Amino acid sequence: MNRTVKQLNSQQFYIITITVCLILAILITYGSFISIAKNRVESELIYNKYYTSIQIQKGDTLWELADNYITSEYNSYNDYIDEVKNINSLESDKIHEGQYLTVPYYSSKRLD
């Protein structure tokens, strides 16, 4: 009887181990397919940089402009603001009501 219990436990352990390995293999394979599909979708997008002219309204700041126009291509708000200042030859962060500024933004389109 004792031997039968040990054999049963050994068989159960073997079955559980095989089941866990199969589940892990399925999850890894499924995850790989998702990753490949995601990379494929991302690679089918083209990001183009555009510029638009905006008129500054009373109370506007460069930080608010960055908040409205920044995209994930920029590492930080400071990088975006530095580019806006450079494009518009601004030496400080001061902008004025009625002033026109050129601001960059990115847009994506899918390759077909």
PDB file of N, CA and C in Angstrom:
ATOM      1  N   MET A   1       0.828  -1.197   0.000  1.00  0.00           N
ATOM      2  CA  MET A   1       0.000   0.000   0.000  1.00  0.00           C
ATOM      3  C   MET A   1       0.870   1.257   0.000  1.00  0.00           C
ATOM      4  N   ASN A   2       1.882   1.268   0.809  1.00  0.00           N
ATOM      5  CA  ASN A   2       2.771   2.404   0.904  1.00  0.00           C
ATOM      6  C   ASN A   2       3.449   2.666  -0.437  1.00  0.00           C
ATOM      7  N   ARG A   3       3.806   1.597  -1.128  1.00  0.00           N
ATOM      8  CA  ARG A   3       4.446   1.707  -2.428  1.00  0.00           C
ATOM      9  C   ARG A   3       3.484   2.285  -3.477  1.00  0.00           C
ATOM     10  N   THR A   4       2.220   1.906  -3.424  1.00  0.00           N
ATOM     11  CA  THR A   4       1.212   2.399  -4.346  1.00  0.00           C
ATOM     12  C   THR A   4       0.996   3.894  -4.164  1.00  0.00           C
ATOM     13  N   VAL A   5       0.980   4.357  -2.931  1.00  0.00           N
ATOM     14  CA  VAL A   5       0.819   5.781  -2.636  1.00  0.00           C
ATOM     15  C   VAL A   5       2.003   6.556  -3.190  1.00  0.00           C
ATOM     16  N   LYS A   6       3.219   6.033  -3.049  1.00  0.00           N
ATOM     17  CA  LYS A   6       4.409   6.702  -3.565  1.00  0.00           C
ATOM     18  C   LYS A   6       4.364   6.753  -5.085  1.00  0.00           C
ATOM     19  N   GLN A   7       3.915   5.658  -5.717  1.00  0.00           N
ATOM     20  CA  GLN A   7       3.808   5.643  -7.166  1.00  0.00           C
ATOM     21  C   GLN A   7       2.761   6.648  -7.634  1.00  0.00           C
ATOM     22  N   LEU A   8       1.645   6.730  -6.907  1.00  0.00           N
ATOM     23  CA  LEU A   8       0.587   7.665  -7.252  1.00  0.00           C
ATOM     24  C   LEU A   8       1.085   9.098  -7.113  1.00  0.00           C
ATOM     25  N   ASN A   9       1.779   9.380  -6.030  1.00  0.00           N
ATOM     26  CA  ASN A   9       2.329  10.726  -5.835  1.00  0.00           C
ATOM     27  C   ASN A   9       3.348  11.052  -6.919  1.00  0.00           C
ATOM     28  N   SER A  10       4.147  10.091  -7.294  1.00  0.00           N
ATOM     29  CA  SER A  10       5.137  10.275  -8.347  1.00  0.00           C
ATOM     30  C   SER A  10       4.445  10.536  -9.684  1.00  0.00           C
ATOM     31  N   GLN A  11       3.394   9.796  -9.967  1.00  0.00           N
ATOM     32  CA  GLN A  11       2.645  10.001 -11.203  1.00  0.00           C
ATOM     33  C   GLN A  11       1.956  11.360 -11.203  1.00  0.00           C
ATOM     34  N   GLN A  12       1.376  11.761 -10.088  1.00  0.00           N
ATOM     35  CA  GLN A  12       0.720  13.065  -9.992  1.00  0.00           C
ATOM     36  C   GLN A  12       1.734  14.189 -10.179  1.00  0.00           C
ATOM     37  N   PHE A  13       2.893  14.044  -9.556  1.00  0.00           N
ATOM     38  CA  PHE A  13       3.937  15.057  -9.692  1.00  0.00           C
ATOM     39  C   PHE A  13       4.357  15.182 -11.160  1.00  0.00           C
ATOM     40  N   TYR A  14       4.522  14.065 -11.824  1.00  0.00           N
ATOM     41  CA  TYR A  14       4.900  14.044 -13.229  1.00  0.00           C
ATOM     42  C   TYR A  14       3.830  14.728 -14.082  1.00  0.00           C
ATOM     43  N   ILE A  15       2.584  14.416 -13.862  1.00  0.00           N
ATOM     44  CA  ILE A  15       1.477  15.006 -14.626  1.00  0.00           C
ATOM     45  C   ILE A  15       1.389  16.509 -14.375  1.00  0.00           C
ATOM     46  N   ILE A  16       1.518  16.898 -13.126  1.00  0.00           N
ATOM     47  CA  ILE A  16       1.464  18.332 -12.789  1.00  0.00           C
ATOM     48  C   ILE A  16       2.628  19.065 -13.442  1.00  0.00           C
ATOM     49  N   THR A  17       3.815  18.490 -13.390  1.00  0.00           N
ATOM     50  CA  THR A  17       4.992  19.117 -13.992  1.00  0.00           C
ATOM     51  C   THR A  17       4.804  19.280 -15.501  1.00  0.00           C
ATOM     52  N   ILE A  18       4.335  18.256 -16.169  1.00  0.00           N
ATOM     53  CA  ILE A  18       4.100  18.327 -17.616  1.00  0.00           C
ATOM     54  C   ILE A  18       3.030  19.368 -17.932  1.00  0.00           C
ATOM     55  N   THR A  19       1.968  19.403 -17.140  1.00  0.00           N
ATOM     56  CA  THR A  19       0.879  20.366 -17.353  1.00  0.00           C
ATOM     57  C   THR A  19       1.388  21.793 -17.207  1.00  0.00           C
ATOM     58  N   VAL A  20       2.162  22.057 -16.166  1.00  0.00           N
ATOM     59  CA  VAL A  20       2.709  23.408 -15.940  1.00  0.00           C
ATOM     60  C   VAL A  20       3.629  23.793 -17.097  1.00  0.00           C
ATOM     61  N   CYS A  21       4.469  22.868 -17.545  1.00  0.00           N
ATOM     62  CA  CYS A  21       5.362  23.152 -18.677  1.00  0.00           C
ATOM     63  C   CYS A  21       4.578  23.471 -19.946  1.00  0.00           C
ATOM     64  N   LEU A  22       3.521  22.729 -20.201  1.00  0.00           N
ATOM     65  CA  LEU A  22       2.697  22.991 -21.379  1.00  0.00           C
ATOM     66  C   LEU A  22       2.016  24.355 -21.297  1.00  0.00           C
ATOM     67  N   ILE A  23       1.507  24.678 -20.124  1.00  0.00           N
ATOM     68  CA  ILE A  23       0.852  25.983 -19.940  1.00  0.00           C
ATOM     69  C   ILE A  23       1.859  27.102 -20.163  1.00  0.00           C
ATOM     70  N   LEU A  24       3.060  26.971 -19.606  1.00  0.00           N
ATOM     71  CA  LEU A  24       4.093  27.989 -19.802  1.00  0.00           C
ATOM     72  C   LEU A  24       4.474  28.116 -21.277  1.00  0.00           C
ATOM     73  N   ALA A  25       4.601  27.001 -21.955  1.00  0.00           N
ATOM     74  CA  ALA A  25       4.943  27.029 -23.379  1.00  0.00           C
ATOM     75  C   ALA A  25       3.860  27.746 -24.184  1.00  0.00           C
ATOM     76  N   ILE A  26       2.604  27.482 -23.860  1.00  0.00           N
ATOM     77  CA  ILE A  26       1.488  28.131 -24.557  1.00  0.00           C
ATOM     78  C   ILE A  26       1.497  29.632 -24.287  1.00  0.00           C
ATOM     79  N   LEU A  27       1.717  30.016 -23.035  1.00  0.00           N
ATOM     80  CA  LEU A  27       1.740  31.443 -22.690  1.00  0.00           C
ATOM     81  C   LEU A  27       2.894  32.168 -23.367  1.00  0.00           C
ATOM     82  N   ILE A  28       4.051  31.550 -23.410  1.00  0.00           N
ATOM     83  CA  ILE A  28       5.210  32.168 -24.065  1.00  0.00           C
ATOM     84  C   ILE A  28       4.952  32.312 -25.556  1.00  0.00           C
ATOM     85  N   THR A  29       4.408  31.301 -26.174  1.00  0.00           N
ATOM     86  CA  THR A  29       4.101  31.357 -27.604  1.00  0.00           C
ATOM     87  C   THR A  29       3.053  32.428 -27.890  1.00  0.00           C
ATOM     88  N   TYR A  30       2.017  32.476 -27.085  1.00  0.00           N
ATOM     89  CA  TYR A  30       0.963  33.480 -27.253  1.00  0.00           C
ATOM     90  C   TYR A  30       1.540  34.887 -27.090  1.00  0.00           C
ATOM     91  N   GLY A  31       2.379  35.070 -26.080  1.00  0.00           N
ATOM     92  CA  GLY A  31       3.011  36.375 -25.856  1.00  0.00           C
ATOM     93  C   GLY A  31       3.883  36.786 -27.021  1.00  0.00           C
ATOM     94  N   SER A  32       4.574  35.839 -27.620  1.00  0.00           N
ATOM     95  CA  SER A  32       5.419  36.138 -28.778  1.00  0.00           C
ATOM     96  C   SER A  32       4.576  36.611 -29.955  1.00  0.00           C
ATOM     97  N   PHE A  33       3.441  35.952 -30.185  1.00  0.00           N
ATOM     98  CA  PHE A  33       2.560  36.363 -31.281  1.00  0.00           C
ATOM     99  C   PHE A  33       2.020  37.771 -31.055  1.00  0.00           C
ATOM    100  N   ILE A  34       1.668  38.085 -29.828  1.00  0.00           N
ATOM    101  CA  ILE A  34       1.168  39.429 -29.520  1.00  0.00           C
ATOM    102  C   ILE A  34       2.256  40.452 -29.765  1.00  0.00           C
ATOM    103  N   SER A  35       3.467  40.170 -29.317  1.00  0.00           N
ATOM    104  CA  SER A  35       4.588  41.080 -29.507  1.00  0.00           C
ATOM    105  C   SER A  35       4.885  41.294 -30.981  1.00  0.00           C
ATOM    106  N   ILE A  36       4.883  40.234 -31.759  1.00  0.00           N
ATOM    107  CA  ILE A  36       5.128  40.351 -33.201  1.00  0.00           C
ATOM    108  C   ILE A  36       4.035  41.182 -33.866  1.00  0.00           C
ATOM    109  N   ALA A  37       2.790  40.939 -33.490  1.00  0.00           N
ATOM    110  CA  ALA A  37       1.674  41.699 -34.070  1.00  0.00           C
ATOM    111  C   ALA A  37       1.775  43.171 -33.702  1.00  0.00           C
ATOM    112  N   LYS A  38       2.132  43.471 -32.460  1.00  0.00           N
ATOM    113  CA  LYS A  38       2.252  44.859 -32.029  1.00  0.00           C
ATOM    114  C   LYS A  38       3.373  45.551 -32.784  1.00  0.00           C
ATOM    115  N   ASN A  39       4.528  44.903 -32.908  1.00  0.00           N
ATOM    116  CA  ASN A  39       5.641  45.488 -33.641  1.00  0.00           C
ATOM    117  C   ASN A  39       5.286  45.704 -35.098  1.00  0.00           C
ATOM    118  N   ARG A  40       4.518  44.805 -35.661  1.00  0.00           N
ATOM    119  CA  ARG A  40       4.117  44.936 -37.058  1.00  0.00           C
ATOM    120  C   ARG A  40       3.219  46.145 -37.244  1.00  0.00           C
ATOM    121  N   VAL A  41       2.274  46.336 -36.329  1.00  0.00           N
ATOM    122  CA  VAL A  41       1.375  47.491 -36.411  1.00  0.00           C
ATOM    123  C   VAL A  41       2.175  48.775 -36.257  1.00  0.00           C
ATOM    124  N   GLU A  42       3.102  48.818 -35.282  1.00  0.00           N
ATOM    125  CA  GLU A  42       3.895  50.025 -35.074  1.00  0.00           C
ATOM    126  C   GLU A  42       4.775  50.317 -36.272  1.00  0.00           C
ATOM    127  N   SER A  43       5.314  49.278 -36.904  1.00  0.00           N
ATOM    128  CA  SER A  43       6.193  49.499 -38.040  1.00  0.00           C
ATOM    129  C   SER A  43       5.412  49.956 -39.277  1.00  0.00           C
ATOM    130  N   GLU A  44       4.107  49.769 -39.291  1.00  0.00           N
ATOM    131  CA  GLU A  44       3.303  50.197 -40.418  1.00  0.00           C
ATOM    132  C   GLU A  44       2.871  51.659 -40.299  1.00  0.00           C
ATOM    133  N   LEU A  45       3.256  52.315 -39.209  1.00  0.00           N
ATOM    134  CA  LEU A  45       2.931  53.716 -39.020  1.00  0.00           C
ATOM    135  C   LEU A  45       4.122  54.581 -39.404  1.00  0.00           C
ATOM    136  N   ILE A  46       3.850  55.665 -40.086  1.00  0.00           N
ATOM    137  CA  ILE A  46       4.879  56.648 -40.422  1.00  0.00           C
ATOM    138  C   ILE A  46       4.547  57.921 -39.657  1.00  0.00           C
ATOM    139  N   TYR A  47       5.546  58.447 -38.969  1.00  0.00           N
ATOM    140  CA  TYR A  47       5.361  59.685 -38.223  1.00  0.00           C
ATOM    141  C   TYR A  47       6.006  60.827 -38.999  1.00  0.00           C
ATOM    142  N   ASN A  48       5.206  61.826 -39.293  1.00  0.00           N
ATOM    143  CA  ASN A  48       5.684  63.004 -40.007  1.00  0.00           C
ATOM    144  C   ASN A  48       5.634  64.208 -39.082  1.00  0.00           C
ATOM    145  N   LYS A  49       6.638  65.042 -39.204  1.00  0.00           N
ATOM    146  CA  LYS A  49       6.689  66.263 -38.411  1.00  0.00           C
ATOM    147  C   LYS A  49       6.070  67.395 -39.225  1.00  0.00           C
ATOM    148  N   TYR A  50       5.181  68.128 -38.571  1.00  0.00           N
ATOM    149  CA  TYR A  50       4.502  69.257 -39.198  1.00  0.00           C
ATOM    150  C   TYR A  50       4.703  70.494 -38.339  1.00  0.00           C
ATOM    151  N   TYR A  51       4.372  71.630 -38.915  1.00  0.00           N
ATOM    152  CA  TYR A  51       4.436  72.901 -38.192  1.00  0.00           C
ATOM    153  C   TYR A  51       3.128  73.637 -38.424  1.00  0.00           C
ATOM    154  N   THR A  52       2.701  74.345 -37.404  1.00  0.00           N
ATOM    155  CA  THR A  52       1.516  75.169 -37.547  1.00  0.00           C
ATOM    156  C   THR A  52       1.776  76.508 -36.867  1.00  0.00           C
ATOM    157  N   SER A  53       1.093  77.516 -37.338  1.00  0.00           N
ATOM    158  CA  SER A  53       1.218  78.847 -36.750  1.00  0.00           C
ATOM    159  C   SER A  53       0.023  79.089 -35.833  1.00  0.00           C
ATOM    160  N   ILE A  54       0.305  79.565 -34.644  1.00  0.00           N
ATOM    161  CA  ILE A  54      -0.771  79.857 -33.693  1.00  0.00           C
ATOM    162  C   ILE A  54      -0.621  81.278 -33.183  1.00  0.00           C
ATOM    163  N   GLN A  55      -1.743  81.867 -32.828  1.00  0.00           N
ATOM    164  CA  GLN A  55      -1.714  83.202 -32.240  1.00  0.00           C
ATOM    165  C   GLN A  55      -1.852  83.060 -30.729  1.00  0.00           C
ATOM    166  N   ILE A  56      -0.967  83.723 -30.024  1.00  0.00           N
ATOM    167  CA  ILE A  56      -0.949  83.645 -28.571  1.00  0.00           C
ATOM    168  C   ILE A  56      -2.136  84.425 -28.002  1.00  0.00           C
ATOM    169  N   GLN A  57      -2.834  83.784 -27.099  1.00  0.00           N
ATOM    170  CA  GLN A  57      -3.953  84.412 -26.413  1.00  0.00           C
ATOM    171  C   GLN A  57      -3.484  84.932 -25.052  1.00  0.00           C
ATOM    172  N   LYS A  58      -4.248  85.829 -24.485  1.00  0.00           N
ATOM    173  CA  LYS A  58      -3.901  86.404 -23.180  1.00  0.00           C
ATOM    174  C   LYS A  58      -3.753  85.268 -22.151  1.00  0.00           C
ATOM    175  N   GLY A  59      -2.642  85.271 -21.445  1.00  0.00           N
ATOM    176  CA  GLY A  59      -2.400  84.291 -20.398  1.00  0.00           C
ATOM    177  C   GLY A  59      -1.703  83.016 -20.862  1.00  0.00           C
ATOM    178  N   ASP A  60      -1.532  82.841 -22.188  1.00  0.00           N
ATOM    179  CA  ASP A  60      -0.848  81.648 -22.686  1.00  0.00           C
ATOM    180  C   ASP A  60       0.610  81.630 -22.222  1.00  0.00           C
ATOM    181  N   THR A  61       1.124  80.431 -22.000  1.00  0.00           N
ATOM    182  CA  THR A  61       2.530  80.234 -21.665  1.00  0.00           C
ATOM    183  C   THR A  61       3.098  79.154 -22.577  1.00  0.00           C
ATOM    184  N   LEU A  62       4.409  79.087 -22.632  1.00  0.00           N
ATOM    185  CA  LEU A  62       5.041  78.036 -23.432  1.00  0.00           C
ATOM    186  C   LEU A  62       4.710  76.658 -22.874  1.00  0.00           C
ATOM    187  N   TRP A  63       4.550  76.566 -21.560  1.00  0.00           N
ATOM    188  CA  TRP A  63       4.195  75.285 -20.946  1.00  0.00           C
ATOM    189  C   TRP A  63       2.805  74.831 -21.386  1.00  0.00           C
ATOM    190  N   GLU A  64       1.861  75.772 -21.485  1.00  0.00           N
ATOM    191  CA  GLU A  64       0.512  75.424 -21.960  1.00  0.00           C
ATOM    192  C   GLU A  64       0.542  75.001 -23.431  1.00  0.00           C
ATOM    193  N   LEU A  65       1.355  75.696 -24.222  1.00  0.00           N
ATOM    194  CA  LEU A  65       1.489  75.313 -25.632  1.00  0.00           C
ATOM    195  C   LEU A  65       2.069  73.902 -25.741  1.00  0.00           C
ATOM    196  N   ALA A  66       3.090  73.635 -24.934  1.00  0.00           N
ATOM    197  CA  ALA A  66       3.689  72.299 -24.932  1.00  0.00           C
ATOM    198  C   ALA A  66       2.642  71.265 -24.532  1.00  0.00           C
ATOM    199  N   ASP A  67       1.836  71.577 -23.553  1.00  0.00           N
ATOM    200  CA  ASP A  67       0.806  70.646 -23.097  1.00  0.00           C
ATOM    201  C   ASP A  67      -0.189  70.336 -24.217  1.00  0.00           C
ATOM    202  N   ASN A  68      -0.461  71.301 -25.068  1.00  0.00           N
ATOM    203  CA  ASN A  68      -1.423  71.115 -26.167  1.00  0.00           C
ATOM    204  C   ASN A  68      -0.825  70.435 -27.399  1.00  0.00           C
ATOM    205  N   TYR A  69       0.481  70.629 -27.646  1.00  0.00           N
ATOM    206  CA  TYR A  69       1.054  70.177 -28.913  1.00  0.00           C
ATOM    207  C   TYR A  69       2.129  69.096 -28.788  1.00  0.00           C
ATOM    208  N   ILE A  70       2.622  68.835 -27.597  1.00  0.00           N
ATOM    209  CA  ILE A  70       3.703  67.867 -27.444  1.00  0.00           C
ATOM    210  C   ILE A  70       3.213  66.455 -27.803  1.00  0.00           C
ATOM    211  N   THR A  71       4.112  65.658 -28.385  1.00  0.00           N
ATOM    212  CA  THR A  71       3.805  64.262 -28.714  1.00  0.00           C
ATOM    213  C   THR A  71       4.911  63.390 -28.127  1.00  0.00           C
ATOM    214  N   SER A  72       4.736  62.101 -28.217  1.00  0.00           N
ATOM    215  CA  SER A  72       5.664  61.159 -27.587  1.00  0.00           C
ATOM    216  C   SER A  72       7.056  61.167 -28.213  1.00  0.00           C
ATOM    217  N   GLU A  73       7.242  61.833 -29.328  1.00  0.00           N
ATOM    218  CA  GLU A  73       8.566  61.911 -29.954  1.00  0.00           C
ATOM    219  C   GLU A  73       9.531  62.775 -29.148  1.00  0.00           C
ATOM    220  N   TYR A  74       9.004  63.586 -28.266  1.00  0.00           N
ATOM    221  CA  TYR A  74       9.838  64.450 -27.424  1.00  0.00           C
ATOM    222  C   TYR A  74      10.094  63.774 -26.085  1.00  0.00           C
ATOM    223  N   ASN A  75      11.308  63.936 -25.591  1.00  0.00           N
ATOM    224  CA  ASN A  75      11.687  63.326 -24.315  1.00  0.00           C
ATOM    225  C   ASN A  75      11.091  64.057 -23.123  1.00  0.00           C
ATOM    226  N   SER A  76      10.854  65.354 -23.269  1.00  0.00           N
ATOM    227  CA  SER A  76      10.343  66.136 -22.144  1.00  0.00           C
ATOM    228  C   SER A  76       9.706  67.432 -22.639  1.00  0.00           C
ATOM    229  N   TYR A  77       8.996  68.083 -21.725  1.00  0.00           N
ATOM    230  CA  TYR A  77       8.421  69.389 -22.037  1.00  0.00           C
ATOM    231  C   TYR A  77       9.534  70.384 -22.335  1.00  0.00           C
ATOM    232  N   ASN A  78      10.620  70.292 -21.591  1.00  0.00           N
ATOM    233  CA  ASN A  78      11.735  71.218 -21.813  1.00  0.00           C
ATOM    234  C   ASN A  78      12.300  71.081 -23.223  1.00  0.00           C
ATOM    235  N   ASP A  79      12.419  69.851 -23.728  1.00  0.00           N
ATOM    236  CA  ASP A  79      12.900  69.651 -25.100  1.00  0.00           C
ATOM    237  C   ASP A  79      11.960  70.298 -26.108  1.00  0.00           C
ATOM    238  N   TYR A  80      10.660  70.136 -25.875  1.00  0.00           N
ATOM    239  CA  TYR A  80       9.677  70.719 -26.793  1.00  0.00           C
ATOM    240  C   TYR A  80       9.752  72.252 -26.743  1.00  0.00           C
ATOM    241  N   ILE A  81       9.769  72.796 -25.540  1.00  0.00           N
ATOM    242  CA  ILE A  81       9.819  74.255 -25.383  1.00  0.00           C
ATOM    243  C   ILE A  81      11.104  74.813 -25.990  1.00  0.00           C
ATOM    244  N   ASP A  82      12.224  74.131 -25.804  1.00  0.00           N
ATOM    245  CA  ASP A  82      13.483  74.575 -26.414  1.00  0.00           C
ATOM    246  C   ASP A  82      13.371  74.620 -27.931  1.00  0.00           C
ATOM    247  N   GLU A  83      12.692  73.635 -28.518  1.00  0.00           N
ATOM    248  CA  GLU A  83      12.524  73.636 -29.971  1.00  0.00           C
ATOM    249  C   GLU A  83      11.628  74.796 -30.412  1.00  0.00           C
ATOM    250  N   VAL A  84      10.539  75.038 -29.683  1.00  0.00           N
ATOM    251  CA  VAL A  84       9.651  76.164 -30.019  1.00  0.00           C
ATOM    252  C   VAL A  84      10.420  77.473 -29.934  1.00  0.00           C
ATOM    253  N   LYS A  85      11.212  77.632 -28.884  1.00  0.00           N
ATOM    254  CA  LYS A  85      12.014  78.858 -28.726  1.00  0.00           C
ATOM    255  C   LYS A  85      13.012  79.001 -29.872  1.00  0.00           C
ATOM    256  N   ASN A  86      13.634  77.900 -30.259  1.00  0.00           N
ATOM    257  CA  ASN A  86      14.615  77.931 -31.346  1.00  0.00           C
ATOM    258  C   ASN A  86      13.956  78.278 -32.676  1.00  0.00           C
ATOM    259  N   ILE A  87      12.837  77.643 -32.984  1.00  0.00           N
ATOM    260  CA  ILE A  87      12.128  77.897 -34.248  1.00  0.00           C
ATOM    261  C   ILE A  87      11.719  79.359 -34.356  1.00  0.00           C
ATOM    262  N   ASN A  88      11.295  79.926 -33.230  1.00  0.00           N
ATOM    263  CA  ASN A  88      10.759  81.292 -33.232  1.00  0.00           C
ATOM    264  C   ASN A  88      11.775  82.339 -32.793  1.00  0.00           C
ATOM    265  N   SER A  89      13.028  81.931 -32.659  1.00  0.00           N
ATOM    266  CA  SER A  89      14.116  82.837 -32.246  1.00  0.00           C
ATOM    267  C   SER A  89      13.790  83.562 -30.946  1.00  0.00           C
ATOM    268  N   LEU A  90      13.223  82.841 -29.991  1.00  0.00           N
ATOM    269  CA  LEU A  90      12.920  83.426 -28.686  1.00  0.00           C
ATOM    270  C   LEU A  90      14.133  83.263 -27.775  1.00  0.00           C
ATOM    271  N   GLU A  91      14.496  84.346 -27.093  1.00  0.00           N
ATOM    272  CA  GLU A  91      15.625  84.272 -26.173  1.00  0.00           C
ATOM    273  C   GLU A  91      15.178  84.010 -24.745  1.00  0.00           C
ATOM    274  N   SER A  92      13.883  84.172 -24.478  1.00  0.00           N
ATOM    275  CA  SER A  92      13.363  83.916 -23.136  1.00  0.00           C
ATOM    276  C   SER A  92      12.045  83.144 -23.257  1.00  0.00           C
ATOM    277  N   ASP A  93      11.455  82.845 -22.107  1.00  0.00           N
ATOM    278  CA  ASP A  93      10.178  82.126 -22.089  1.00  0.00           C
ATOM    279  C   ASP A  93       8.981  83.058 -22.228  1.00  0.00           C
ATOM    280  N   LYS A  94       9.219  84.336 -22.353  1.00  0.00           N
ATOM    281  CA  LYS A  94       8.121  85.302 -22.418  1.00  0.00           C
ATOM    282  C   LYS A  94       7.492  85.318 -23.805  1.00  0.00           C
ATOM    283  N   ILE A  95       6.176  85.184 -23.814  1.00  0.00           N
ATOM    284  CA  ILE A  95       5.405  85.334 -25.043  1.00  0.00           C
ATOM    285  C   ILE A  95       4.286  86.324 -24.757  1.00  0.00           C
ATOM    286  N   HIS A  96       3.754  86.940 -25.800  1.00  0.00           N
ATOM    287  CA  HIS A  96       2.804  88.031 -25.619  1.00  0.00           C
ATOM    288  C   HIS A  96       1.529  87.798 -26.410  1.00  0.00           C
ATOM    289  N   GLU A  97       0.434  88.285 -25.848  1.00  0.00           N
ATOM    290  CA  GLU A  97      -0.867  88.205 -26.511  1.00  0.00           C
ATOM    291  C   GLU A  97      -0.774  88.824 -27.900  1.00  0.00           C
ATOM    292  N   GLY A  98      -1.337  88.125 -28.895  1.00  0.00           N
ATOM    293  CA  GLY A  98      -1.343  88.603 -30.267  1.00  0.00           C
ATOM    294  C   GLY A  98      -0.142  88.130 -31.084  1.00  0.00           C
ATOM    295  N   GLN A  99       0.890  87.696 -30.409  1.00  0.00           N
ATOM    296  CA  GLN A  99       2.096  87.198 -31.074  1.00  0.00           C
ATOM    297  C   GLN A  99       1.771  85.889 -31.803  1.00  0.00           C
ATOM    298  N   TYR A 100       2.406  85.679 -32.939  1.00  0.00           N
ATOM    299  CA  TYR A 100       2.265  84.415 -33.663  1.00  0.00           C
ATOM    300  C   TYR A 100       3.518  83.580 -33.443  1.00  0.00           C
ATOM    301  N   LEU A 101       3.316  82.299 -33.174  1.00  0.00           N
ATOM    302  CA  LEU A 101       4.429  81.376 -33.011  1.00  0.00           C
ATOM    303  C   LEU A 101       4.218  80.176 -33.926  1.00  0.00           C
ATOM    304  N   THR A 102       5.304  79.642 -34.403  1.00  0.00           N
ATOM    305  CA  THR A 102       5.275  78.390 -35.142  1.00  0.00           C
ATOM    306  C   THR A 102       5.567  77.281 -34.150  1.00  0.00           C
ATOM    307  N   VAL A 103       4.710  76.263 -34.123  1.00  0.00           N
ATOM    308  CA  VAL A 103       4.904  75.151 -33.201  1.00  0.00           C
ATOM    309  C   VAL A 103       4.943  73.842 -33.988  1.00  0.00           C
ATOM    310  N   PRO A 104       5.832  72.933 -33.587  1.00  0.00           N
ATOM    311  CA  PRO A 104       5.918  71.642 -34.259  1.00  0.00           C
ATOM    312  C   PRO A 104       4.982  70.621 -33.629  1.00  0.00           C
ATOM    313  N   TYR A 105       4.584  69.669 -34.428  1.00  0.00           N
ATOM    314  CA  TYR A 105       3.835  68.523 -33.910  1.00  0.00           C
ATOM    315  C   TYR A 105       4.032  67.356 -34.869  1.00  0.00           C
ATOM    316  N   TYR A 106       3.807  66.160 -34.373  1.00  0.00           N
ATOM    317  CA  TYR A 106       3.931  64.956 -35.192  1.00  0.00           C
ATOM    318  C   TYR A 106       2.547  64.360 -35.416  1.00  0.00           C
ATOM    319  N   SER A 107       2.393  63.772 -36.577  1.00  0.00           N
ATOM    320  CA  SER A 107       1.166  63.053 -36.884  1.00  0.00           C
ATOM    321  C   SER A 107       1.550  61.747 -37.546  1.00  0.00           C
ATOM    322  N   SER A 108       0.772  60.713 -37.310  1.00  0.00           N
ATOM    323  CA  SER A 108       1.094  59.428 -37.899  1.00  0.00           C
ATOM    324  C   SER A 108       0.063  59.040 -38.950  1.00  0.00           C
ATOM    325  N   LYS A 109       0.537  58.247 -39.902  1.00  0.00           N
ATOM    326  CA  LYS A 109      -0.386  57.691 -40.880  1.00  0.00           C
ATOM    327  C   LYS A 109       0.042  56.266 -41.148  1.00  0.00           C
ATOM    328  N   ARG A 110      -0.918  55.440 -41.411  1.00  0.00           N
ATOM    329  CA  ARG A 110      -0.684  54.008 -41.620  1.00  0.00           C
ATOM    330  C   ARG A 110      -0.301  53.751 -43.073  1.00  0.00           C
ATOM    331  N   LEU A 111       0.705  52.899 -43.231  1.00  0.00           N
ATOM    332  CA  LEU A 111       1.084  52.465 -44.583  1.00  0.00           C
ATOM    333  C   LEU A 111       0.069  51.440 -45.056  1.00  0.00           C
ATOM    334  N   ASP A 112      -0.379  51.577 -46.250  1.00  0.00           N
ATOM    335  CA  ASP A 112      -1.333  50.594 -46.805  1.00  0.00           C
ATOM    336  C   ASP A 112      -0.747  49.901 -47.993  1.00  0.00           C
TER     337      ASP A 112
END
